[in-house]
Amino acid sequence: MKIYTGTGDAGETGLYGGQRVGKDDVRVEAYGAVDEANAALGVAAAHLRDGEILALVTQLQSELFTVGADLATPLARDTQAGKSIVPRIEARHSVALEQIIDRFEAELEPLRSFILPGGSPGAAFLHLARTITRRSERQTVVLWHTAPEEMNLEVLRYLNRLADLLFVLARAANHREGIADVPWTRPADPGERS
């Protein structure tokens, strides 16, 4: 199978099921941002030192493929003989993320202020993946407002929860490497800077 087909050279792409849309379509923007988040998780994985967090990130990358397929397939075009053609995100996926968040939060000190994204390279890239996930969530909201009947609402819940989890995992990665969170401090007035 070739990586190029030439069918997208005029600015269109194919959705699962054959429908052609512009590459600037809100659906393409949504699943494209999910793909970016997945790639950022790949970079984070390349820098993570903790085996448990690394294994979890790899699992999340696989789930993001499901999210992308879900977003790329309008609901109306997703059934054959009453069965879904592509895997779909379900409530159980978000519930599982909540359970993981709770487990990792139990080992962290409660936050008393905002923290700066950073720390170890793995944690910094998890923070980057978190912000890209938030963007994918915003793009998915645009899709929801444009065509709610063609979208699985569970995807929004999942992306929201995933961004929360990535924040917690970034903190956990730093914690497990002995790196403290850096709290946000109010900037000094311009005249007080050194």
Protein backbone atom coordinates (compact mmCIF):
# COMPACT_ATOMS: atom_id res chain seq x y z
CA MET A 1 0.00 0.00 0.00
CA LYS A 2 1.44 3.36 -1.02
CA ILE A 3 1.48 6.29 1.40
CA TYR A 4 0.38 8.67 -1.35
CA THR A 5 -2.70 8.40 -3.51
CA GLY A 6 -2.90 11.79 -5.20
CA THR A 7 -6.60 12.04 -4.35
CA GLY A 8 -5.97 14.85 -1.87
CA ASP A 9 -3.95 17.08 -4.14
CA ALA A 10 -6.91 19.40 -4.76
CA GLY A 11 -7.47 20.10 -1.07
CA GLU A 12 -9.94 17.34 -0.28
CA THR A 13 -9.69 14.18 1.80
CA GLY A 14 -11.85 11.12 2.23
CA LEU A 15 -13.71 10.26 5.40
CA TYR A 16 -14.27 6.67 6.41
CA GLY A 17 -17.19 5.54 4.29
CA GLY A 18 -16.09 7.43 1.18
CA GLN A 19 -17.46 10.95 1.71
CA ARG A 20 -15.10 13.67 0.37
CA VAL A 21 -14.61 16.88 2.34
CA GLY A 22 -12.21 19.80 2.27
CA LYS A 23 -9.04 19.44 4.27
CA ASP A 24 -10.17 22.52 6.18
CA ASP A 25 -13.47 20.87 7.17
CA VAL A 26 -14.26 21.10 10.90
CA ARG A 27 -14.23 17.30 11.16
CA VAL A 28 -10.75 17.13 9.62
CA GLU A 29 -9.57 19.90 11.95
CA ALA A 30 -10.86 17.91 14.93
CA TYR A 31 -9.28 14.57 14.09
CA GLY A 32 -6.14 16.32 12.82
CA ALA A 33 -5.66 17.95 16.22
CA VAL A 34 -6.13 14.52 17.84
CA ASP A 35 -3.38 13.21 15.56
CA GLU A 36 -1.12 16.06 16.70
CA ALA A 37 -1.82 15.19 20.34
CA ASN A 38 -0.95 11.58 19.58
CA ALA A 39 2.35 12.61 17.98
CA ALA A 40 3.16 14.79 21.00
CA LEU A 41 2.52 11.77 23.22
CA GLY A 42 5.01 9.86 21.08
CA VAL A 43 7.63 12.52 21.77
CA ALA A 44 6.78 12.39 25.48
CA ALA A 45 7.13 8.60 25.42
CA ALA A 46 10.61 8.93 23.92
CA HIS A 47 11.64 11.02 26.95
CA LEU A 48 9.83 9.26 29.80
CA ARG A 49 11.90 7.34 32.33
CA ASP A 50 9.08 5.77 34.35
CA GLY A 51 7.98 2.42 32.92
CA GLU A 52 4.44 2.58 34.30
CA ILE A 53 3.79 6.03 32.86
CA LEU A 54 5.40 5.03 29.56
CA ALA A 55 3.15 1.95 29.25
CA LEU A 56 0.11 4.10 30.00
CA VAL A 57 1.09 6.71 27.41
CA THR A 58 1.44 3.96 24.80
CA GLN A 59 -2.06 2.74 25.68
CA LEU A 60 -3.39 6.30 25.40
CA GLN A 61 -1.84 6.61 21.94
CA SER A 62 -3.80 3.55 20.81
CA GLU A 63 -6.98 5.00 22.27
CA LEU A 64 -6.36 8.24 20.38
CA PHE A 65 -6.44 6.24 17.15
CA THR A 66 -9.93 5.16 18.19
CA VAL A 67 -10.81 8.81 18.89
CA GLY A 68 -9.54 9.79 15.44
CA ALA A 69 -11.51 7.03 13.73
CA ASP A 70 -14.59 8.02 15.73
CA LEU A 71 -14.27 11.65 14.64
CA ALA A 72 -13.47 10.73 11.02
CA THR A 73 -16.63 8.64 10.69
CA PRO A 74 -19.97 10.48 10.77
CA LEU A 75 -22.47 8.49 12.83
CA ALA A 76 -24.91 8.19 9.92
CA ARG A 77 -22.27 6.42 7.79
CA ASP A 78 -21.07 4.03 10.47
CA THR A 79 -23.35 1.03 10.36
CA GLN A 80 -23.55 -2.09 8.32
CA ALA A 81 -26.24 -4.59 9.28
CA GLY A 82 -26.85 -2.61 12.48
CA LYS A 83 -23.23 -2.90 13.65
CA SER A 84 -20.65 -0.14 13.95
CA ILE A 85 -17.93 -0.21 11.31
CA VAL A 86 -15.34 1.59 13.43
CA PRO A 87 -14.61 1.35 17.14
CA ARG A 88 -16.25 4.15 19.12
CA ILE A 89 -15.30 5.90 22.33
CA GLU A 90 -17.74 4.94 25.07
CA ALA A 91 -18.42 6.21 28.59
CA ARG A 92 -16.30 3.37 29.99
CA HIS A 93 -13.20 4.89 28.37
CA SER A 94 -13.65 8.17 30.27
CA VAL A 95 -14.45 6.33 33.50
CA ALA A 96 -11.19 4.40 33.12
CA LEU A 97 -9.29 7.69 32.72
CA GLU A 98 -10.91 9.03 35.89
CA GLN A 99 -9.77 5.95 37.81
CA ILE A 100 -6.21 6.41 36.56
CA ILE A 101 -6.29 10.10 37.50
CA ASP A 102 -7.41 9.20 41.03
CA ARG A 103 -4.66 6.58 41.37
CA PHE A 104 -1.87 8.93 40.30
CA GLU A 105 -3.23 11.91 42.25
CA ALA A 106 -3.02 9.82 45.42
CA GLU A 107 0.78 9.91 45.22
CA LEU A 108 1.00 13.68 44.63
CA GLU A 109 0.86 16.62 47.00
CA PRO A 110 -2.33 18.65 46.53
CA LEU A 111 -1.84 21.78 44.43
CA ARG A 112 -2.05 25.09 46.23
CA SER A 113 -1.36 27.28 43.19
CA PHE A 114 -0.96 27.10 39.46
CA ILE A 115 2.23 25.38 38.30
CA LEU A 116 4.47 26.09 35.35
CA PRO A 117 4.53 23.39 32.68
CA GLY A 118 7.97 21.84 32.60
CA GLY A 119 10.35 19.86 34.74
CA SER A 120 11.83 16.71 33.25
CA PRO A 121 11.79 16.38 29.45
CA GLY A 122 9.10 13.67 29.65
CA ALA A 123 6.90 15.81 31.89
CA ALA A 124 7.39 18.88 29.70
CA PHE A 125 6.27 16.93 26.64
CA LEU A 126 3.27 15.55 28.56
CA HIS A 127 2.30 19.16 29.28
CA LEU A 128 2.66 19.95 25.58
CA ALA A 129 0.48 16.94 24.70
CA ARG A 130 -2.05 18.19 27.25
CA THR A 131 -2.33 21.59 25.57
CA ILE A 132 -2.68 20.00 22.13
CA THR A 133 -5.37 17.72 23.56
CA ARG A 134 -7.20 20.82 24.83
CA ARG A 135 -7.01 22.28 21.32
CA SER A 136 -8.39 19.06 19.88
CA GLU A 137 -11.20 19.30 22.41
CA ARG A 138 -11.98 22.86 21.26
CA GLN A 139 -11.95 21.76 17.61
CA THR A 140 -14.29 18.90 18.51
CA VAL A 141 -16.66 21.37 20.18
CA VAL A 142 -16.80 23.27 16.86
CA LEU A 143 -17.71 20.00 15.13
CA TRP A 144 -20.36 19.32 17.78
CA HIS A 145 -21.90 22.75 17.21
CA THR A 146 -21.79 22.26 13.43
CA ALA A 147 -23.17 18.72 13.19
CA PRO A 148 -24.25 17.29 16.56
CA GLU A 149 -26.23 14.49 14.97
CA GLU A 150 -23.10 13.24 13.18
CA MET A 151 -20.82 13.06 16.21
CA ASN A 152 -20.34 10.85 19.24
CA LEU A 153 -20.58 13.14 22.27
CA GLU A 154 -18.51 10.71 24.35
CA VAL A 155 -15.46 11.89 22.41
CA LEU A 156 -15.74 15.32 24.04
CA ARG A 157 -15.91 13.84 27.51
CA TYR A 158 -12.93 11.59 26.73
CA LEU A 159 -10.76 14.46 25.44
CA ASN A 160 -11.60 16.57 28.46
CA ARG A 161 -10.65 13.75 30.81
CA LEU A 162 -7.52 12.92 28.81
CA ALA A 163 -6.21 16.47 29.17
CA ASP A 164 -6.79 16.23 32.92
CA LEU A 165 -4.92 12.92 33.01
CA LEU A 166 -1.97 14.30 31.06
CA PHE A 167 -1.65 17.12 33.59
CA VAL A 168 -1.57 14.59 36.43
CA LEU A 169 0.86 12.33 34.56
CA ALA A 170 3.23 15.26 33.96
CA ARG A 171 3.21 15.97 37.69
CA ALA A 172 3.68 12.28 38.47
CA ALA A 173 6.60 11.99 36.03
CA ASN A 174 8.32 14.90 37.76
CA HIS A 175 7.52 13.53 41.21
CA ARG A 176 8.93 10.11 40.38
CA GLU A 177 12.14 11.75 39.15
CA GLY A 178 12.43 13.89 42.28
CA ILE A 179 11.61 17.14 40.47
CA ALA A 180 9.32 19.55 42.30
CA ASP A 181 6.47 21.41 40.64
CA VAL A 182 7.39 25.04 40.01
CA PRO A 183 4.58 27.26 41.30
CA TRP A 184 3.38 30.21 39.29
CA THR A 185 4.32 33.52 40.88
CA ARG A 186 2.72 36.83 40.13
CA PRO A 187 5.02 38.80 37.83
CA ALA A 188 6.72 41.80 39.34
CA ASP A 189 5.68 45.25 38.22
CA PRO A 190 7.86 46.40 35.31
CA GLY A 191 9.71 48.83 37.57
CA GLU A 192 10.59 46.09 40.07
CA ARG A 193 12.35 43.72 37.66
CA SER A 194 16.05 43.23 38.11
